[in-house]
Amino acid sequence: MVKSSAAKLDIVFHALSDSTRRAILRDIVGKQKTVGEIARPYQMSLAAVSKHLNVLESADLITREKRGSFQVIHLNAHAMKKAEHWLRFYENFWDDKLNTLQTLLEGKENE
C-alpha cells in the first residue's frame, strides 16, 4: 500500500511527538547503537523500547541492520525533511511575530 505524503507526514509527527523517541533519535545521531545500548539509559523494559523503535521505524526515521544476534539501529534523518519543509512554511509567521515583539520591547526600553 502506497501512503500519501500527508499520511507519511502524520506518521513522522506522531513518532516525533514522544519525548523518549526524540531522545532516542538524538542518542543515535552520528553513531549506530544496538537495541540494548539504546535501552540502557531508560527506566523501561526492552519490550517498551522495542515499541518505540517500531514507531520510529514505521516513520522511516531509523533503519535496523542485523549483525549476528544483534540489531543495530541507524538514524535516517532524511525522513525528517518533509516535516522540516512543512514547518518552514510557518517560519515567516514566527519571524514576523518575533520582529514585532522586538520592536515593542525596544520601544519600551527607550521610554
Protein backbone atom coordinates (compact mmCIF):
# COMPACT_ATOMS: atom_id res chain seq x y z
CA MET A 1 0.00 0.00 0.00
CA VAL A 2 1.36 3.40 -1.03
CA LYS A 3 0.90 6.10 1.59
CA SER A 4 0.15 9.68 0.62
CA SER A 5 2.56 12.46 1.52
CA ALA A 6 0.10 13.71 4.16
CA ALA A 7 -0.13 10.25 5.74
CA LYS A 8 3.67 9.92 5.81
CA LEU A 9 3.94 13.34 7.43
CA ASP A 10 1.36 12.34 10.05
CA ILE A 11 3.41 9.23 10.88
CA VAL A 12 6.61 11.29 11.25
CA PHE A 13 4.94 13.86 13.50
CA HIS A 14 3.38 11.07 15.58
CA ALA A 15 6.81 9.47 16.02
CA LEU A 16 8.35 12.82 16.99
CA SER A 17 5.54 13.64 19.43
CA ASP A 18 7.03 11.43 22.15
CA SER A 19 9.96 12.72 24.22
CA THR A 20 11.51 9.25 24.60
CA ARG A 21 11.53 8.73 20.84
CA ARG A 22 13.07 12.17 20.31
CA ALA A 23 15.73 11.31 22.90
CA ILE A 24 16.45 8.03 21.14
CA LEU A 25 16.92 9.86 17.84
CA ARG A 26 19.24 12.37 19.50
CA ASP A 27 21.14 9.47 21.06
CA ILE A 28 21.91 7.79 17.73
CA VAL A 29 22.96 10.88 15.78
CA GLY A 30 26.29 10.08 14.19
CA LYS A 31 26.57 6.65 15.79
CA GLN A 32 24.84 3.34 15.46
CA LYS A 33 23.70 1.50 18.56
CA THR A 34 22.25 -1.85 19.44
CA VAL A 35 18.79 -2.07 20.95
CA GLY A 36 20.36 -2.87 24.33
CA GLU A 37 22.62 0.19 24.16
CA ILE A 38 19.63 2.37 23.28
CA ALA A 39 17.56 0.93 26.15
CA ARG A 40 20.27 1.29 28.81
CA PRO A 41 19.56 4.89 29.94
CA TYR A 42 15.80 4.40 30.19
CA GLN A 43 13.78 3.01 33.08
CA MET A 44 11.77 0.69 30.85
CA SER A 45 11.84 -2.84 29.55
CA LEU A 46 13.44 -3.89 26.28
CA ALA A 47 9.92 -4.59 25.02
CA ALA A 48 8.89 -0.99 25.69
CA VAL A 49 11.99 0.34 23.93
CA SER A 50 11.25 -2.00 21.02
CA LYS A 51 7.77 -0.49 20.72
CA HIS A 52 9.32 2.97 20.46
CA LEU A 53 11.76 1.69 17.86
CA ASN A 54 8.88 0.17 15.87
CA VAL A 55 7.15 3.57 15.77
CA LEU A 56 10.38 5.24 14.65
CA GLU A 57 10.92 2.56 12.04
CA SER A 58 7.38 2.87 10.67
CA ALA A 59 8.06 6.61 10.25
CA ASP A 60 11.27 5.67 8.41
CA LEU A 61 13.28 7.66 10.98
CA ILE A 62 15.53 4.70 11.77
CA THR A 63 16.80 1.64 9.98
CA ARG A 64 17.76 -1.68 11.51
CA GLU A 65 20.65 -3.84 10.47
CA LYS A 66 21.00 -7.43 11.65
CA ARG A 67 24.53 -8.26 12.85
CA GLY A 68 24.68 -11.75 14.23
CA SER A 69 22.28 -11.86 17.15
CA PHE A 70 22.16 -8.05 17.44
CA GLN A 71 20.08 -5.42 15.73
CA VAL A 72 21.99 -2.23 15.06
CA ILE A 73 19.93 0.93 14.77
CA HIS A 74 20.86 3.81 12.44
CA LEU A 75 19.31 7.26 12.19
CA ASN A 76 17.61 8.13 8.91
CA ALA A 77 17.43 11.91 9.32
CA HIS A 78 16.39 12.34 5.67
CA ALA A 79 12.89 11.22 6.66
CA MET A 80 12.52 14.43 8.70
CA LYS A 81 12.98 16.57 5.58
CA LYS A 82 9.24 16.64 4.76
CA ALA A 83 8.43 17.67 8.34
CA GLU A 84 11.07 20.40 8.18
CA HIS A 85 9.64 21.62 4.87
CA TRP A 86 6.13 21.71 6.36
CA LEU A 87 7.32 23.66 9.42
CA ARG A 88 9.40 26.05 7.32
CA PHE A 89 6.21 27.38 5.71
CA TYR A 90 5.22 28.77 9.13
CA GLU A 91 8.64 30.22 9.88
CA ASN A 92 7.68 33.53 8.22
CA PHE A 93 4.81 33.92 10.67
CA TRP A 94 7.11 33.26 13.64
CA ASP A 95 9.69 35.71 12.33
CA ASP A 96 7.06 38.42 11.88
CA LYS A 97 5.75 37.92 15.42
CA LEU A 98 9.26 37.96 16.88
CA ASN A 99 10.16 41.11 14.94
CA THR A 100 7.01 42.81 16.24
CA LEU A 101 7.83 41.75 19.80
CA GLN A 102 11.39 43.02 19.43
CA THR A 103 10.14 46.38 18.16
CA LEU A 104 7.73 46.67 21.09
CA LEU A 105 10.39 45.77 23.63
CA GLU A 106 12.92 48.17 22.15
CA GLY A 107 10.27 50.91 22.22
CA LYS A 108 9.65 50.33 25.94
CA GLU A 109 13.38 50.44 26.67
CA ASN A 110 13.64 53.88 25.03
CA GLU A 111 10.77 55.33 27.11
